[in-house]
Amino acid sequence: MKVAIATDDLLRVDAHFGTAKQIAIYDLSATEWSLSDVVHFAENLLEDGSEDKLGPKVSAIKDCTLLYVAAIGGSAAARVVAQKVHPIKLIEPEEIPAVLGKLQQVLAGTPPPWLRKALRADEERSLDFMQE
């Protein structure tokens, strides 16, 4: 699955979704993870209530299953969820490897129902009907 992380320093989950300088995208399984892409954002990062800056960010994470953030506004969360991406807000900044490691432990065990549902939705997105 793909996991998006809102980050300002590429080391921690430490950014508000709307004002994040970059979003790191990881490919993750129960046994391994790797950085797939980093999408940088330089324009209009102020917390000004402008919805315009959300479009490119929502587009950047559209293939992800989960989005880790330090904070996310209500309208941004609604737009993310509409893309079938589940936002997860952390209480305090955490190191990215620690966050991914915890997620791997959950995947290796018995994921909670909301995560199983998100994983099934992820599998449905990856179906290729042209091969049938």
N, C-alpha and C. Protein backbone atom coordinates (compact mmCIF):
# COMPACT_ATOMS: atom_id res chain seq x y z
N MET A 1 0.84 -1.18 0.00
CA MET A 1 0.00 0.00 0.00
C MET A 1 0.88 1.23 0.00
N LYS A 2 0.31 2.34 -0.43
CA LYS A 2 1.02 3.61 -0.41
C LYS A 2 0.56 4.43 0.81
N VAL A 3 1.55 5.03 1.47
CA VAL A 3 1.30 5.83 2.67
C VAL A 3 1.89 7.21 2.43
N ALA A 4 1.08 8.25 2.62
CA ALA A 4 1.54 9.63 2.46
C ALA A 4 1.81 10.22 3.84
N ILE A 5 2.86 11.04 3.92
CA ILE A 5 3.23 11.67 5.18
C ILE A 5 3.47 13.16 4.95
N ALA A 6 2.71 13.98 5.66
CA ALA A 6 2.90 15.44 5.60
C ALA A 6 4.10 15.77 6.49
N THR A 7 5.14 16.35 5.87
CA THR A 7 6.38 16.60 6.60
C THR A 7 7.04 17.89 6.13
N ASP A 8 7.65 18.58 7.07
CA ASP A 8 8.41 19.77 6.72
C ASP A 8 9.90 19.47 6.64
N ASP A 9 10.34 18.40 7.32
CA ASP A 9 11.77 18.13 7.37
C ASP A 9 12.18 16.77 6.78
N LEU A 10 11.25 16.01 6.26
CA LEU A 10 11.47 14.68 5.69
C LEU A 10 12.00 13.67 6.70
N LEU A 11 11.94 14.03 7.97
CA LEU A 11 12.39 13.12 9.03
C LEU A 11 11.25 12.70 9.95
N ARG A 12 10.25 13.60 10.08
CA ARG A 12 9.16 13.38 11.02
C ARG A 12 7.82 13.69 10.39
N VAL A 13 6.78 13.10 10.95
CA VAL A 13 5.41 13.53 10.66
C VAL A 13 5.22 14.77 11.52
N ASP A 14 5.35 15.94 10.90
CA ASP A 14 5.38 17.18 11.68
C ASP A 14 4.66 18.35 11.02
N ALA A 15 3.85 18.08 9.99
CA ALA A 15 3.27 19.18 9.23
C ALA A 15 1.74 19.10 9.18
N HIS A 16 1.15 20.28 9.18
CA HIS A 16 -0.28 20.45 8.90
C HIS A 16 -0.45 20.17 7.41
N PHE A 17 -1.47 19.43 7.03
CA PHE A 17 -1.65 19.05 5.63
C PHE A 17 -1.65 20.26 4.71
N GLY A 18 -2.41 21.28 5.05
CA GLY A 18 -2.53 22.45 4.17
C GLY A 18 -1.27 23.26 4.03
N THR A 19 -0.39 23.22 5.04
CA THR A 19 0.82 24.04 5.00
C THR A 19 2.10 23.23 4.86
N ALA A 20 1.98 21.93 4.61
CA ALA A 20 3.16 21.07 4.50
C ALA A 20 4.05 21.50 3.33
N LYS A 21 5.34 21.55 3.57
CA LYS A 21 6.30 21.89 2.52
C LYS A 21 6.45 20.73 1.53
N GLN A 22 6.24 19.52 2.03
CA GLN A 22 6.33 18.35 1.15
C GLN A 22 5.50 17.20 1.71
N ILE A 23 5.19 16.30 0.82
CA ILE A 23 4.51 15.07 1.21
C ILE A 23 5.39 13.93 0.72
N ALA A 24 5.81 13.11 1.66
CA ALA A 24 6.60 11.93 1.33
C ALA A 24 5.65 10.76 1.14
N ILE A 25 5.86 10.00 0.08
CA ILE A 25 5.00 8.86 -0.23
C ILE A 25 5.85 7.59 -0.16
N TYR A 26 5.38 6.66 0.65
CA TYR A 26 6.10 5.40 0.88
C TYR A 26 5.28 4.23 0.36
N ASP A 27 5.98 3.23 -0.19
CA ASP A 27 5.37 1.93 -0.47
C ASP A 27 5.64 1.09 0.76
N LEU A 28 4.59 0.46 1.30
CA LEU A 28 4.73 -0.25 2.56
C LEU A 28 4.00 -1.58 2.50
N SER A 29 4.64 -2.60 3.04
CA SER A 29 4.01 -3.90 3.25
C SER A 29 4.26 -4.29 4.70
N ALA A 30 3.82 -5.46 5.10
CA ALA A 30 4.02 -5.91 6.47
C ALA A 30 5.49 -6.18 6.76
N THR A 31 6.32 -6.32 5.72
CA THR A 31 7.72 -6.69 5.94
C THR A 31 8.73 -5.64 5.50
N GLU A 32 8.33 -4.69 4.67
CA GLU A 32 9.30 -3.70 4.19
C GLU A 32 8.60 -2.40 3.80
N TRP A 33 9.41 -1.35 3.70
CA TRP A 33 8.91 -0.07 3.22
C TRP A 33 10.04 0.64 2.50
N SER A 34 9.64 1.49 1.54
CA SER A 34 10.64 2.28 0.81
C SER A 34 10.00 3.60 0.37
N LEU A 35 10.84 4.62 0.29
CA LEU A 35 10.38 5.92 -0.16
C LEU A 35 10.11 5.84 -1.66
N SER A 36 8.92 6.19 -2.05
CA SER A 36 8.52 6.12 -3.46
C SER A 36 8.65 7.47 -4.15
N ASP A 37 8.26 8.54 -3.43
CA ASP A 37 8.26 9.87 -4.05
C ASP A 37 8.21 10.93 -2.95
N VAL A 38 8.69 12.11 -3.28
CA VAL A 38 8.53 13.28 -2.42
C VAL A 38 7.98 14.38 -3.31
N VAL A 39 6.80 14.88 -2.94
CA VAL A 39 6.17 15.96 -3.70
C VAL A 39 6.38 17.24 -2.91
N HIS A 40 7.03 18.23 -3.54
CA HIS A 40 7.36 19.50 -2.88
C HIS A 40 6.31 20.56 -3.21
N PHE A 41 6.03 21.41 -2.22
CA PHE A 41 5.09 22.51 -2.37
C PHE A 41 5.76 23.77 -1.87
N ALA A 42 5.83 24.77 -2.70
CA ALA A 42 6.50 26.01 -2.31
C ALA A 42 5.55 27.19 -2.25
N GLU A 43 4.43 27.10 -2.93
CA GLU A 43 3.55 28.26 -3.04
C GLU A 43 2.48 28.27 -1.94
N ASN A 44 2.13 29.44 -1.49
CA ASN A 44 1.00 29.70 -0.60
C ASN A 44 0.84 28.66 0.52
N LEU A 45 1.79 28.63 1.43
CA LEU A 45 1.73 27.67 2.53
C LEU A 45 1.16 28.27 3.82
N LEU A 46 0.65 29.48 3.76
CA LEU A 46 0.10 30.12 4.95
C LEU A 46 -1.22 29.49 5.37
N GLU A 47 -1.47 29.48 6.67
CA GLU A 47 -2.77 29.03 7.17
C GLU A 47 -3.75 30.18 7.04
N ASP A 48 -4.30 30.33 5.84
CA ASP A 48 -5.14 31.49 5.55
C ASP A 48 -6.57 31.11 5.18
N GLY A 49 -6.89 29.83 5.28
CA GLY A 49 -8.24 29.39 4.93
C GLY A 49 -8.45 29.21 3.45
N SER A 50 -7.42 29.45 2.64
CA SER A 50 -7.54 29.30 1.20
C SER A 50 -7.61 27.83 0.82
N GLU A 51 -8.65 27.46 0.10
CA GLU A 51 -8.81 26.08 -0.35
C GLU A 51 -8.00 25.79 -1.61
N ASP A 52 -7.50 26.82 -2.28
CA ASP A 52 -6.79 26.63 -3.54
C ASP A 52 -5.55 25.77 -3.40
N LYS A 53 -4.87 25.87 -2.28
CA LYS A 53 -3.62 25.13 -2.10
C LYS A 53 -3.87 23.64 -1.86
N LEU A 54 -5.10 23.25 -1.57
CA LEU A 54 -5.39 21.85 -1.26
C LEU A 54 -5.44 20.96 -2.50
N GLY A 55 -5.86 21.50 -3.62
CA GLY A 55 -6.01 20.69 -4.83
C GLY A 55 -4.76 19.90 -5.20
N PRO A 56 -3.60 20.55 -5.33
CA PRO A 56 -2.39 19.81 -5.68
C PRO A 56 -2.00 18.77 -4.62
N LYS A 57 -2.27 19.05 -3.37
CA LYS A 57 -1.92 18.10 -2.32
C LYS A 57 -2.84 16.89 -2.35
N VAL A 58 -4.13 17.13 -2.52
CA VAL A 58 -5.08 16.02 -2.61
C VAL A 58 -4.75 15.17 -3.83
N SER A 59 -4.42 15.81 -4.93
CA SER A 59 -4.04 15.10 -6.15
C SER A 59 -2.79 14.26 -5.93
N ALA A 60 -1.83 14.77 -5.18
CA ALA A 60 -0.57 14.06 -4.95
C ALA A 60 -0.75 12.77 -4.16
N ILE A 61 -1.79 12.70 -3.34
CA ILE A 61 -1.98 11.52 -2.49
C ILE A 61 -3.11 10.61 -2.96
N LYS A 62 -3.65 10.85 -4.13
CA LYS A 62 -4.85 10.13 -4.57
C LYS A 62 -4.67 8.62 -4.65
N ASP A 63 -3.45 8.12 -4.82
CA ASP A 63 -3.21 6.68 -4.91
C ASP A 63 -2.82 6.07 -3.56
N CYS A 64 -2.84 6.88 -2.51
CA CYS A 64 -2.43 6.41 -1.19
C CYS A 64 -3.62 5.83 -0.43
N THR A 65 -3.31 4.98 0.53
CA THR A 65 -4.34 4.41 1.40
C THR A 65 -4.46 5.22 2.68
N LEU A 66 -3.32 5.67 3.22
CA LEU A 66 -3.29 6.41 4.48
C LEU A 66 -2.53 7.71 4.30
N LEU A 67 -2.89 8.71 5.10
CA LEU A 67 -2.20 9.99 5.14
C LEU A 67 -1.93 10.32 6.60
N TYR A 68 -0.66 10.41 6.98
CA TYR A 68 -0.28 10.82 8.33
C TYR A 68 -0.01 12.31 8.33
N VAL A 69 -0.58 13.01 9.32
CA VAL A 69 -0.44 14.46 9.43
C VAL A 69 -0.29 14.85 10.90
N ALA A 70 0.26 16.05 11.12
CA ALA A 70 0.26 16.62 12.47
C ALA A 70 -1.09 17.29 12.73
N ALA A 71 -1.72 17.80 11.67
CA ALA A 71 -3.03 18.44 11.78
C ALA A 71 -3.64 18.50 10.38
N ILE A 72 -4.97 18.59 10.35
CA ILE A 72 -5.68 18.71 9.07
C ILE A 72 -7.02 19.39 9.36
N GLY A 73 -7.37 20.34 8.52
CA GLY A 73 -8.65 21.03 8.67
C GLY A 73 -9.82 20.16 8.22
N GLY A 74 -11.00 20.55 8.63
CA GLY A 74 -12.19 19.78 8.31
C GLY A 74 -12.46 19.63 6.82
N SER A 75 -12.37 20.74 6.07
CA SER A 75 -12.65 20.64 4.63
C SER A 75 -11.56 19.85 3.91
N ALA A 76 -10.31 19.98 4.37
CA ALA A 76 -9.23 19.19 3.76
C ALA A 76 -9.43 17.71 4.06
N ALA A 77 -9.82 17.38 5.29
CA ALA A 77 -10.07 15.99 5.65
C ALA A 77 -11.19 15.41 4.79
N ALA A 78 -12.24 16.21 4.56
CA ALA A 78 -13.34 15.74 3.72
C ALA A 78 -12.88 15.46 2.29
N ARG A 79 -12.03 16.32 1.76
CA ARG A 79 -11.52 16.12 0.40
C ARG A 79 -10.62 14.89 0.33
N VAL A 80 -9.83 14.67 1.36
CA VAL A 80 -8.94 13.50 1.41
C VAL A 80 -9.77 12.22 1.49
N VAL A 81 -10.75 12.20 2.37
CA VAL A 81 -11.61 11.02 2.53
C VAL A 81 -12.40 10.75 1.25
N ALA A 82 -12.80 11.79 0.54
CA ALA A 82 -13.52 11.61 -0.72
C ALA A 82 -12.65 10.88 -1.76
N GLN A 83 -11.34 10.96 -1.60
CA GLN A 83 -10.41 10.25 -2.49
C GLN A 83 -10.13 8.83 -1.97
N LYS A 84 -10.84 8.42 -0.92
CA LYS A 84 -10.67 7.12 -0.28
C LYS A 84 -9.29 6.97 0.36
N VAL A 85 -8.78 8.10 0.89
CA VAL A 85 -7.54 8.11 1.65
C VAL A 85 -7.92 8.38 3.10
N HIS A 86 -7.40 7.58 4.02
CA HIS A 86 -7.76 7.71 5.43
C HIS A 86 -6.72 8.58 6.14
N PRO A 87 -7.10 9.78 6.61
CA PRO A 87 -6.15 10.63 7.33
C PRO A 87 -5.97 10.17 8.78
N ILE A 88 -4.72 10.21 9.24
CA ILE A 88 -4.40 9.86 10.62
C ILE A 88 -3.62 11.02 11.22
N LYS A 89 -4.19 11.62 12.24
CA LYS A 89 -3.57 12.77 12.91
C LYS A 89 -2.78 12.28 14.12
N LEU A 90 -1.51 12.63 14.17
CA LEU A 90 -0.67 12.27 15.31
C LEU A 90 -0.70 13.39 16.34
N ILE A 91 -0.65 13.03 17.60
CA ILE A 91 -0.72 14.01 18.68
C ILE A 91 0.55 14.83 18.75
N GLU A 92 1.69 14.18 18.57
CA GLU A 92 2.99 14.85 18.60
C GLU A 92 3.78 14.43 17.38
N PRO A 93 4.75 15.24 16.94
CA PRO A 93 5.60 14.82 15.82
C PRO A 93 6.31 13.50 16.16
N GLU A 94 6.38 12.61 15.18
CA GLU A 94 7.05 11.33 15.36
C GLU A 94 7.98 11.09 14.18
N GLU A 95 9.06 10.38 14.43
CA GLU A 95 10.00 10.01 13.38
C GLU A 95 9.28 9.12 12.37
N ILE A 96 9.51 9.36 11.09
CA ILE A 96 8.84 8.60 10.04
C ILE A 96 9.11 7.10 10.15
N PRO A 97 10.38 6.66 10.34
CA PRO A 97 10.60 5.21 10.46
C PRO A 97 9.82 4.56 11.61
N ALA A 98 9.66 5.28 12.72
CA ALA A 98 8.89 4.75 13.84
C ALA A 98 7.42 4.59 13.48
N VAL A 99 6.87 5.57 12.79
CA VAL A 99 5.46 5.52 12.36
C VAL A 99 5.25 4.36 11.41
N LEU A 100 6.14 4.21 10.43
CA LEU A 100 6.01 3.13 9.46
C LEU A 100 6.21 1.77 10.12
N GLY A 101 7.11 1.69 11.09
CA GLY A 101 7.33 0.44 11.82
C GLY A 101 6.10 0.02 12.61
N LYS A 102 5.45 0.97 13.25
CA LYS A 102 4.22 0.67 14.00
C LYS A 102 3.12 0.18 13.05
N LEU A 103 3.03 0.83 11.90
CA LEU A 103 2.02 0.42 10.91
C LEU A 103 2.31 -0.99 10.41
N GLN A 104 3.57 -1.32 10.20
CA GLN A 104 3.93 -2.68 9.77
C GLN A 104 3.52 -3.71 10.83
N GLN A 105 3.71 -3.40 12.09
CA GLN A 105 3.31 -4.31 13.15
C GLN A 105 1.80 -4.56 13.12
N VAL A 106 1.05 -3.50 12.87
CA VAL A 106 -0.40 -3.64 12.77
C VAL A 106 -0.77 -4.51 11.58
N LEU A 107 -0.11 -4.29 10.45
CA LEU A 107 -0.39 -5.08 9.25
C LEU A 107 -0.03 -6.54 9.43
N ALA A 108 1.06 -6.82 10.16
CA ALA A 108 1.50 -8.19 10.37
C ALA A 108 0.58 -8.93 11.34
N GLY A 109 -0.14 -8.20 12.16
CA GLY A 109 -1.07 -8.82 13.12
C GLY A 109 -2.48 -8.84 12.55
N THR A 110 -3.40 -8.37 13.35
CA THR A 110 -4.80 -8.28 12.94
C THR A 110 -5.17 -6.81 12.85
N PRO A 111 -5.17 -6.25 11.63
CA PRO A 111 -5.50 -4.83 11.48
C PRO A 111 -6.93 -4.55 11.95
N PRO A 112 -7.18 -3.36 12.49
CA PRO A 112 -8.54 -3.01 12.89
C PRO A 112 -9.46 -2.97 11.67
N PRO A 113 -10.76 -3.07 11.90
CA PRO A 113 -11.70 -3.11 10.77
C PRO A 113 -11.57 -1.95 9.78
N TRP A 114 -11.35 -0.72 10.27
CA TRP A 114 -11.25 0.42 9.36
C TRP A 114 -10.05 0.27 8.43
N LEU A 115 -8.96 -0.32 8.92
CA LEU A 115 -7.77 -0.49 8.09
C LEU A 115 -7.97 -1.64 7.10
N ARG A 116 -8.62 -2.71 7.53
CA ARG A 116 -8.92 -3.81 6.60
C ARG A 116 -9.79 -3.30 5.45
N LYS A 117 -10.76 -2.45 5.78
CA LYS A 117 -11.64 -1.88 4.75
C LYS A 117 -10.82 -1.00 3.80
N ALA A 118 -9.92 -0.18 4.33
CA ALA A 118 -9.08 0.68 3.50
C ALA A 118 -8.18 -0.16 2.61
N LEU A 119 -7.65 -1.26 3.12
CA LEU A 119 -6.79 -2.13 2.33
C LEU A 119 -7.58 -2.80 1.21
N ARG A 120 -8.79 -3.21 1.48
CA ARG A 120 -9.64 -3.79 0.43
C ARG A 120 -9.93 -2.75 -0.64
N ALA A 121 -10.20 -1.53 -0.26
CA ALA A 121 -10.45 -0.46 -1.23
C ALA A 121 -9.20 -0.23 -2.07
N ASP A 122 -8.04 -0.32 -1.45
CA ASP A 122 -6.77 -0.16 -2.16
C ASP A 122 -6.60 -1.26 -3.19
N GLU A 123 -6.96 -2.50 -2.84
CA GLU A 123 -6.87 -3.61 -3.78
C GLU A 123 -7.82 -3.40 -4.95
N GLU A 124 -9.03 -2.91 -4.67
CA GLU A 124 -10.00 -2.67 -5.74
C GLU A 124 -9.49 -1.61 -6.70
N ARG A 125 -8.79 -0.58 -6.18
CA ARG A 125 -8.25 0.48 -7.03
C ARG A 125 -7.19 -0.05 -7.98
N SER A 126 -6.47 -1.10 -7.57
CA SER A 126 -5.36 -1.58 -8.37
C SER A 126 -5.76 -2.63 -9.39
N LEU A 127 -7.03 -3.00 -9.46
CA LEU A 127 -7.47 -3.98 -10.44
C LEU A 127 -7.28 -3.44 -11.85
N ASP A 128 -6.82 -4.30 -12.72
CA ASP A 128 -6.63 -3.93 -14.11
C ASP A 128 -7.60 -4.73 -14.96
N PHE A 129 -8.69 -4.12 -15.37
CA PHE A 129 -9.72 -4.81 -16.13
C PHE A 129 -9.30 -5.09 -17.57
N MET A 130 -8.27 -4.45 -18.03
CA MET A 130 -7.80 -4.67 -19.40
C MET A 130 -7.16 -6.04 -19.57
N GLN A 131 -6.75 -6.68 -18.49
CA GLN A 131 -6.09 -7.97 -18.57
C GLN A 131 -7.07 -9.13 -18.64
N GLU A 132 -8.36 -8.88 -18.41
CA GLU A 132 -9.34 -9.95 -18.42
C GLU A 132 -9.76 -10.32 -19.81
